[in-house]
């Protein structure tokens, strides 16, 4: 006999999603996790994903410091997007699988603690230099500081049809933070609405459909003057985050030992190394900016292709922890850097590169000094801001 769970937490009436999820069949557990049993399968971070995050930020640093060395190094941002979509959606699904709901206020508070204080520290550093020095890169940098602190740089850049304005150059790299935060104002509430009102497989279908919408939209928008609009806007880059989110939904749907989960792991393991090679070739040979033969395919389908290749890598390390790829990406220095310093490195390296240039350092000392200063600043940010602020709620939560 099939019975349904009718109450939520504390005996309160269940929401629509809870009404639809069978709890027991013939007295035995049938499906756990409110339709997402895979979300309960494991907790904690995957070392290989942190290692992949470290490689991505290193690509961005190399691209910004020596762009001729890796013309496609900006792809590290694309990899970040897909990892972020996977990790955040997995966290949301895990909470829903445990409790039947998602505490959105707590989710956004944690996001604020994780991202904003460290960003404001970089903005404060730039503001102090703007006030106390005559360094060219920091002179009149107030527009860049205000827009970076409010996650609006990407919107301004998207509105510039020709070359980017020099007013934003000091903190122009924060465009990607704007894309992420604007995405997370929309995706978690939409996902929660689907979780509450739809069956688990319907959530999967909806996630797959919305993954394709930015591709169609880019194809409609494309013309040579729309490159900035496409590159910087959340509606044209959302598929890179949504592919990661879709992978998280797939993994959460399948319980441990499910044949389809095993098959997904096998195929991800087989395709992981070819995917890594293809990403490496893109980094080595495909310029991300400027008018080239790659521009049209890259600005239409290329973003989605990169997201799919990254998702293969994430699936491989998530589902095959014993694989050679996961062991390679789980080297302690990579994991520690990806877990603790990747965000700080991304934040600090760009204004520090401008500072080293203003100080008159010549290559290769400029790049070396920027890299060293970026690691020191990222470590200070982690120890003094990020770790204290994000550890405090967890301790309180443990009671």
Protein backbone atom coordinates (compact mmCIF):
# COMPACT_ATOMS: atom_id res chain seq x y z
CA UNK A 1 0.00 0.00 0.00
CA UNK A 2 1.34 3.46 -0.94
CA UNK A 3 1.16 6.20 1.67
CA UNK A 4 2.05 9.87 1.39
CA UNK A 5 3.76 12.22 3.82
CA UNK A 6 1.21 14.87 4.74
CA UNK A 7 3.08 17.09 7.16
CA UNK A 8 6.13 19.27 6.96
CA UNK A 9 8.48 20.29 9.70
CA UNK A 10 6.98 20.59 13.17
CA UNK A 11 3.76 18.90 12.08
CA UNK A 12 2.72 21.81 9.85
CA UNK A 13 0.66 21.05 6.74
CA UNK A 14 2.87 19.98 3.86
CA UNK A 15 3.34 22.06 0.76
CA UNK A 16 2.30 20.76 -2.68
CA UNK A 17 5.67 19.17 -3.39
CA UNK A 18 5.53 17.25 -0.11
CA UNK A 19 2.05 16.00 -0.92
CA UNK A 20 3.31 14.44 -4.14
CA UNK A 21 6.33 12.58 -2.81
CA UNK A 22 5.66 8.99 -1.69
CA UNK A 23 7.30 8.08 1.59
CA UNK A 24 6.68 4.33 1.97
CA UNK A 25 5.47 1.48 -0.22
CA UNK A 26 4.24 -1.68 1.52
CA UNK A 27 5.77 -0.47 4.76
CA UNK A 28 9.27 0.05 3.24
CA UNK A 29 10.97 3.35 2.39
CA UNK A 30 10.40 4.16 -1.27
CA UNK A 31 11.98 7.53 -1.96
CA UNK A 32 13.92 9.77 0.38
CA UNK A 33 14.88 13.39 0.13
CA UNK A 34 11.49 14.61 -1.17
CA UNK A 35 12.24 13.18 -4.59
CA UNK A 36 15.98 13.97 -4.51
CA UNK A 37 17.59 11.03 -2.71
CA UNK A 38 20.95 11.73 -4.32
CA UNK A 39 21.11 15.05 -2.49
CA UNK A 40 21.39 13.09 0.76
CA UNK A 41 24.07 10.76 -0.55
CA UNK A 42 27.04 12.76 0.62
CA UNK A 43 28.02 16.00 2.29
CA UNK A 44 31.10 18.13 2.20
CA UNK A 45 33.24 19.38 -0.64
CA UNK A 46 34.82 17.45 -3.47
CA UNK A 47 38.57 18.01 -3.56
CA UNK A 48 38.73 17.76 -7.33
CA UNK A 49 36.22 20.59 -7.77
CA UNK A 50 38.35 22.84 -5.56
CA UNK A 51 41.41 21.90 -7.61
CA UNK A 52 39.55 22.76 -10.80
CA UNK A 53 38.61 26.11 -9.28
CA UNK A 54 42.29 26.80 -8.54
CA UNK A 55 43.27 26.05 -12.13
CA UNK A 56 40.54 28.37 -13.37
CA UNK A 57 41.74 31.34 -11.32
CA UNK A 58 45.34 30.69 -12.36
CA UNK A 59 44.24 30.85 -16.00
CA UNK A 60 42.58 34.20 -15.40
CA UNK A 61 45.67 35.58 -13.64
CA UNK A 62 47.97 34.48 -16.47
CA UNK A 63 45.58 35.90 -19.07
CA UNK A 64 45.40 39.30 -17.40
CA UNK A 65 49.13 39.52 -16.64
CA UNK A 66 50.51 38.06 -19.90
CA UNK A 67 47.62 37.88 -22.39
CA UNK A 68 49.79 36.80 -25.31
CA UNK A 69 50.80 33.64 -23.47
CA UNK A 70 47.26 32.26 -23.16
CA UNK A 71 44.89 34.21 -25.44
CA UNK A 72 41.94 32.14 -24.24
CA UNK A 73 42.76 32.32 -20.54
CA UNK A 74 39.57 34.26 -19.84
CA UNK A 75 37.86 30.88 -20.16
CA UNK A 76 38.68 30.45 -16.48
CA UNK A 77 35.68 32.71 -15.76
CA UNK A 78 33.43 30.41 -17.80
CA UNK A 79 34.66 27.44 -15.77
CA UNK A 80 33.91 29.37 -12.56
CA UNK A 81 30.35 29.99 -13.70
CA UNK A 82 29.60 26.32 -14.26
CA UNK A 83 31.22 25.22 -11.00
CA UNK A 84 29.26 27.90 -9.15
CA UNK A 85 25.96 26.80 -10.68
CA UNK A 86 26.66 23.21 -9.67
CA UNK A 87 27.81 23.92 -6.11
CA UNK A 88 25.07 26.41 -5.23
CA UNK A 89 22.28 24.28 -6.71
CA UNK A 90 23.61 21.20 -4.93
CA UNK A 91 23.48 23.08 -1.63
CA UNK A 92 19.91 24.22 -2.29
CA UNK A 93 18.80 20.71 -3.22
CA UNK A 94 20.52 19.21 -0.19
CA UNK A 95 18.64 21.56 2.12
CA UNK A 96 15.36 20.79 0.38
CA UNK A 97 16.04 17.05 0.58
CA UNK A 98 16.67 17.32 4.33
CA UNK A 99 13.84 19.65 5.29
CA UNK A 100 11.34 19.93 2.45
CA UNK A 101 12.08 23.63 2.05
CA UNK A 102 14.87 26.17 1.54
CA UNK A 103 15.45 29.08 3.92
CA UNK A 104 16.00 31.80 1.33
CA UNK A 105 16.84 34.52 3.84
CA UNK A 106 19.63 32.39 5.30
CA UNK A 107 20.83 31.52 1.80
CA UNK A 108 21.21 35.16 0.78
CA UNK A 109 22.79 36.11 4.09
CA UNK A 110 25.42 33.42 3.61
CA UNK A 111 26.04 34.65 0.05
CA UNK A 112 26.46 38.20 1.36
CA UNK A 113 28.96 37.12 4.02
CA UNK A 114 30.90 35.04 1.54
CA UNK A 115 31.21 37.67 -1.19
CA UNK A 116 30.54 41.23 -0.12
CA UNK A 117 32.98 41.96 2.76
CA UNK A 118 35.97 40.79 0.71
CA UNK A 119 34.79 42.84 -2.28
CA UNK A 120 34.30 45.92 -0.11
CA UNK A 121 37.85 45.51 1.22
CA UNK A 122 39.19 45.71 -2.35
CA UNK A 123 36.98 48.73 -3.05
CA UNK A 124 38.23 50.41 0.14
CA UNK A 125 41.84 49.77 -0.88
CA UNK A 126 41.20 51.41 -4.25
CA UNK A 127 39.39 54.32 -2.60
CA UNK A 128 42.30 54.99 -0.23
CA UNK A 129 44.76 55.06 -3.13
CA UNK A 130 42.42 57.30 -5.11
CA UNK A 131 42.31 59.76 -2.20
CA UNK A 132 45.96 59.72 -1.18
CA UNK A 133 47.94 59.27 -4.39
CA UNK A 134 48.17 60.57 -7.94
CA UNK A 135 48.60 57.14 -9.49
CA UNK A 136 47.02 57.19 -12.98
CA UNK A 137 45.02 53.98 -12.56
CA UNK A 138 43.38 55.20 -9.34
CA UNK A 139 42.74 58.79 -10.36
CA UNK A 140 38.98 59.36 -10.67
CA UNK A 141 38.21 55.71 -9.95
CA UNK A 142 35.01 56.45 -8.04
CA UNK A 143 32.63 55.24 -10.73
CA UNK A 144 34.45 51.90 -10.90
CA UNK A 145 34.43 51.56 -7.10
CA UNK A 146 30.72 52.31 -6.71
CA UNK A 147 29.65 50.06 -9.58
CA UNK A 148 31.87 47.20 -8.40
CA UNK A 149 30.53 47.44 -4.84
CA UNK A 150 26.96 47.24 -6.15
CA UNK A 151 27.59 44.42 -8.70
CA UNK A 152 26.65 46.65 -11.64
CA UNK A 153 29.87 46.73 -13.68
CA UNK A 154 28.59 44.11 -16.12
CA UNK A 155 25.45 46.14 -16.89
CA UNK A 156 27.46 49.26 -17.73
CA UNK A 157 29.94 47.27 -19.82
CA UNK A 158 27.10 45.59 -21.70
CA UNK A 159 25.78 49.00 -22.75
CA UNK A 160 29.09 50.03 -24.36
CA UNK A 161 28.99 49.07 -28.07
CA UNK A 162 32.57 50.07 -28.87
CA UNK A 163 35.66 49.88 -26.64
CA UNK A 164 35.10 49.58 -22.92
CA UNK A 165 35.13 52.84 -20.96
CA UNK A 166 38.38 53.57 -19.14
CA UNK A 167 36.30 54.74 -16.17
CA UNK A 168 35.75 51.09 -15.20
CA UNK A 169 39.17 49.69 -16.05
CA UNK A 170 40.43 49.53 -12.47
CA UNK A 171 37.73 47.07 -11.38
CA UNK A 172 36.35 45.92 -14.72
CA UNK A 173 37.00 42.28 -13.79
CA UNK A 174 34.09 42.45 -11.32
CA UNK A 175 31.71 42.18 -14.26
CA UNK A 176 31.63 38.42 -13.63
CA UNK A 177 30.56 38.95 -10.00
CA UNK A 178 27.65 41.01 -11.30
CA UNK A 179 26.59 38.19 -13.62
CA UNK A 180 26.69 35.65 -10.79
CA UNK A 181 24.83 37.76 -8.24
CA UNK A 182 22.14 38.81 -10.70
CA UNK A 183 21.71 35.16 -11.64
CA UNK A 184 21.32 34.16 -7.99
CA UNK A 185 18.61 36.72 -7.45
CA UNK A 186 16.52 34.76 -9.98
CA UNK A 187 17.57 31.10 -9.99
CA UNK A 188 17.15 30.06 -6.31
CA UNK A 189 13.59 31.48 -6.01
CA UNK A 190 12.67 29.91 -9.35
CA UNK A 191 14.15 26.57 -8.30
CA UNK A 192 12.32 26.68 -4.98
CA UNK A 193 9.05 27.42 -6.76
CA UNK A 194 9.60 24.38 -8.98
CA UNK A 195 10.55 22.21 -6.01
CA UNK A 196 7.40 23.17 -4.14
CA UNK A 197 4.99 22.75 -7.03
CA UNK A 198 6.45 20.12 -9.37
CA UNK A 199 7.60 16.55 -9.27
CA UNK A 200 11.33 15.98 -9.21
CA UNK A 201 11.53 14.91 -12.86
CA UNK A 202 9.59 17.99 -13.94
CA UNK A 203 12.22 20.10 -12.17
CA UNK A 204 14.84 18.30 -14.25
CA UNK A 205 12.99 18.96 -17.52
CA UNK A 206 12.52 22.64 -16.66
CA UNK A 207 16.20 23.03 -15.82
CA UNK A 208 17.16 21.44 -19.14
CA UNK A 209 14.83 23.73 -21.09
CA UNK A 210 16.06 26.95 -19.49
CA UNK A 211 19.65 25.89 -20.25
CA UNK A 212 18.90 26.29 -23.95
CA UNK A 213 17.19 29.68 -23.77
CA UNK A 214 20.39 31.80 -23.55
CA UNK A 215 21.80 29.99 -26.61
CA UNK A 216 18.71 30.91 -28.61
CA UNK A 217 18.78 34.45 -27.27
CA UNK A 218 22.46 34.93 -28.18
CA UNK A 219 21.75 33.74 -31.71
CA UNK A 220 18.91 36.26 -32.02
CA UNK A 221 20.99 39.13 -30.61
CA UNK A 222 24.23 38.49 -32.44
CA UNK A 223 25.74 41.19 -34.59
CA UNK A 224 29.23 42.70 -34.38
CA UNK A 225 28.03 45.63 -32.25
CA UNK A 226 26.35 43.31 -29.73
CA UNK A 227 29.54 41.61 -28.53
CA UNK A 228 29.73 43.56 -25.27
CA UNK A 229 26.01 43.05 -24.67
CA UNK A 230 26.37 39.29 -25.08
CA UNK A 231 29.60 38.90 -23.16
CA UNK A 232 28.58 40.83 -20.05
CA UNK A 233 24.86 40.27 -19.56
CA UNK A 234 23.36 37.71 -17.22
CA UNK A 235 20.63 36.71 -19.68
CA UNK A 236 23.23 35.79 -22.31
CA UNK A 237 25.63 34.02 -19.92
CA UNK A 238 23.11 32.25 -17.70
CA UNK A 239 23.43 28.91 -19.52
CA UNK A 240 26.97 28.53 -18.17
CA UNK A 241 25.60 28.58 -14.62
CA UNK A 242 22.49 26.63 -15.55
CA UNK A 243 24.48 23.73 -17.00
CA UNK A 244 26.12 23.30 -13.61
CA UNK A 245 22.71 23.58 -11.97
CA UNK A 246 21.31 20.95 -14.33
CA UNK A 247 24.12 18.55 -13.42
CA UNK A 248 23.34 19.08 -9.73
CA UNK A 249 19.68 18.23 -10.35
CA UNK A 250 20.60 15.06 -12.26
CA UNK A 251 22.95 13.86 -9.53
CA UNK A 252 20.42 14.69 -6.81
CA UNK A 253 17.67 12.73 -8.57
CA UNK A 254 19.59 9.44 -8.61
CA UNK A 255 20.14 7.52 -5.35
CA UNK A 256 23.39 5.77 -4.58
CA UNK A 257 23.77 2.55 -6.53
CA UNK A 258 21.32 3.55 -9.24
CA UNK A 259 22.36 2.10 -12.64
CA UNK A 260 21.91 5.46 -14.37
CA UNK A 261 24.13 7.17 -11.82
CA UNK A 262 26.80 4.52 -12.40
CA UNK A 263 26.47 4.95 -16.17
CA UNK A 264 26.76 8.73 -15.82
CA UNK A 265 29.93 8.28 -13.78
CA UNK A 266 31.42 5.88 -16.34
CA UNK A 267 30.73 8.16 -19.29
CA UNK A 268 31.96 11.23 -17.43
CA UNK A 269 35.16 9.36 -16.61
CA UNK A 270 35.67 8.39 -20.25
CA UNK A 271 35.00 11.88 -21.57
CA UNK A 272 36.82 13.84 -18.87
CA UNK A 273 40.31 13.75 -20.37
CA UNK A 274 39.11 14.64 -23.90
CA UNK A 275 37.09 17.48 -22.35
CA UNK A 276 40.16 18.70 -20.49
CA UNK A 277 42.23 18.59 -23.69
CA UNK A 278 39.58 20.56 -25.60
CA UNK A 279 39.42 23.20 -22.89
CA UNK A 280 43.21 23.41 -22.97
CA UNK A 281 43.20 23.92 -26.73
CA UNK A 282 40.64 26.71 -26.39
CA UNK A 283 42.79 28.42 -23.76
CA UNK A 284 45.86 28.07 -25.95
CA UNK A 285 44.43 29.01 -29.33
CA UNK A 286 41.07 30.81 -29.13
CA UNK A 287 41.10 34.56 -28.33
CA UNK A 288 38.16 35.48 -26.12
CA UNK A 289 38.05 39.13 -27.18
CA UNK A 290 38.64 41.00 -30.41
CA UNK A 291 37.35 40.29 -33.90
CA UNK A 292 38.63 36.94 -35.15
CA UNK A 293 37.29 33.97 -37.09
CA UNK A 294 36.26 32.50 -33.72
CA UNK A 295 34.09 35.44 -32.69
CA UNK A 296 30.72 34.41 -34.11
CA UNK A 297 30.80 30.72 -33.09
CA UNK A 298 32.22 31.61 -29.69
CA UNK A 299 29.67 34.32 -28.89
CA UNK A 300 26.75 32.12 -29.92
CA UNK A 301 27.42 28.44 -29.17
CA UNK A 302 30.87 28.63 -27.59
CA UNK A 303 29.71 29.61 -24.12
CA UNK A 304 27.42 26.58 -23.93
CA UNK A 305 30.12 24.24 -25.27
CA UNK A 306 32.53 25.42 -22.58
CA UNK A 307 29.89 24.88 -19.90
CA UNK A 308 29.21 21.33 -21.12
CA UNK A 309 32.92 20.47 -21.16
CA UNK A 310 33.29 21.84 -17.64
CA UNK A 311 30.24 19.89 -16.48
CA UNK A 312 31.88 16.70 -17.75
CA UNK A 313 34.91 17.42 -15.57
CA UNK A 314 32.77 18.22 -12.54
CA UNK A 315 30.71 15.05 -13.02
CA UNK A 316 33.87 12.98 -13.35
CA UNK A 317 35.42 14.19 -10.09
CA UNK A 318 32.07 14.13 -8.27
CA UNK A 319 31.05 10.61 -9.28
CA UNK A 320 34.46 8.97 -9.68
CA UNK A 321 36.54 10.11 -6.70
CA UNK A 322 38.99 7.25 -7.28
CA UNK A 323 39.78 8.39 -10.84
CA UNK A 324 43.18 9.64 -11.92
CA UNK A 325 41.66 13.00 -12.84
CA UNK A 326 40.25 13.55 -9.37
CA UNK A 327 43.52 12.48 -7.76
CA UNK A 328 45.42 14.91 -9.99
CA UNK A 329 43.10 17.78 -9.14
CA UNK A 330 43.14 16.86 -5.44
CA UNK A 331 46.77 17.78 -4.85
CA UNK A 332 46.88 19.60 -1.53
CA UNK A 333 48.22 22.97 -2.83
CA UNK A 334 45.58 23.09 -5.58
CA UNK A 335 42.76 22.14 -3.23
CA UNK A 336 43.77 24.64 -0.55
CA UNK A 337 44.16 27.44 -3.08
CA UNK A 338 40.86 26.68 -4.78
CA UNK A 339 38.96 26.36 -1.53
CA UNK A 340 40.37 29.34 0.37
CA UNK A 341 42.12 31.76 -2.00
CA UNK A 342 40.46 31.57 -5.41
CA UNK A 343 37.92 34.32 -4.72
CA UNK A 344 40.50 36.61 -3.12
CA UNK A 345 42.97 36.04 -5.93
CA UNK A 346 40.35 36.97 -8.48
CA UNK A 347 39.37 40.10 -6.58
CA UNK A 348 42.85 41.44 -5.85
CA UNK A 349 44.97 40.63 -8.88
CA UNK A 350 43.43 43.19 -11.24
CA UNK A 351 43.83 46.39 -9.19
CA UNK A 352 47.23 45.18 -7.96
CA UNK A 353 48.34 44.74 -11.57
CA UNK A 354 47.34 48.35 -12.20
CA UNK A 355 49.26 49.44 -9.10
CA UNK A 356 52.44 47.63 -10.19
CA UNK A 357 52.16 49.23 -13.63
CA UNK A 358 51.76 52.69 -12.11
CA UNK A 359 54.83 52.08 -9.96
CA UNK A 360 56.85 51.58 -13.13
CA UNK A 361 57.82 47.94 -12.69
CA UNK A 362 58.96 46.32 -15.91
CA UNK A 363 58.30 42.77 -17.03
CA UNK A 364 58.84 40.12 -15.85
CA UNK A 365 59.05 41.75 -12.42
CA UNK A 366 55.65 43.38 -12.80
CA UNK A 367 53.90 40.05 -13.28
CA UNK A 368 55.86 38.35 -10.51
CA UNK A 369 55.20 41.21 -8.10
CA UNK A 370 51.50 41.22 -8.97
CA UNK A 371 51.19 37.46 -8.46
CA UNK A 372 53.03 37.58 -5.14
CA UNK A 373 51.04 40.56 -3.85
CA UNK A 374 47.79 38.94 -4.99
CA UNK A 375 48.50 35.76 -3.02
CA UNK A 376 49.40 37.78 0.07
CA UNK A 377 46.27 39.93 -0.21
CA UNK A 378 44.06 36.89 -0.85
CA UNK A 379 45.52 35.10 2.16
CA UNK A 380 44.96 38.15 4.37
CA UNK A 381 41.40 38.42 3.08
CA UNK A 382 40.77 34.75 3.85
CA UNK A 383 42.24 34.86 7.36
CA UNK A 384 40.88 38.26 8.43
CA UNK A 385 37.53 38.45 6.65
CA UNK A 386 36.25 35.40 4.85
CA UNK A 387 37.01 32.67 7.39
CA UNK A 388 35.86 34.58 10.51
CA UNK A 389 32.63 35.76 8.89
CA UNK A 390 31.63 32.46 7.31
CA UNK A 391 32.67 30.28 10.27
CA UNK A 392 30.55 32.15 12.81
CA UNK A 393 27.11 31.12 11.44
CA UNK A 394 28.19 27.47 11.19
CA UNK A 395 29.23 27.41 14.83
CA UNK A 396 25.95 29.00 15.82
CA UNK A 397 24.09 26.49 13.72
CA UNK A 398 25.70 23.59 15.49
CA UNK A 399 24.40 24.89 18.78
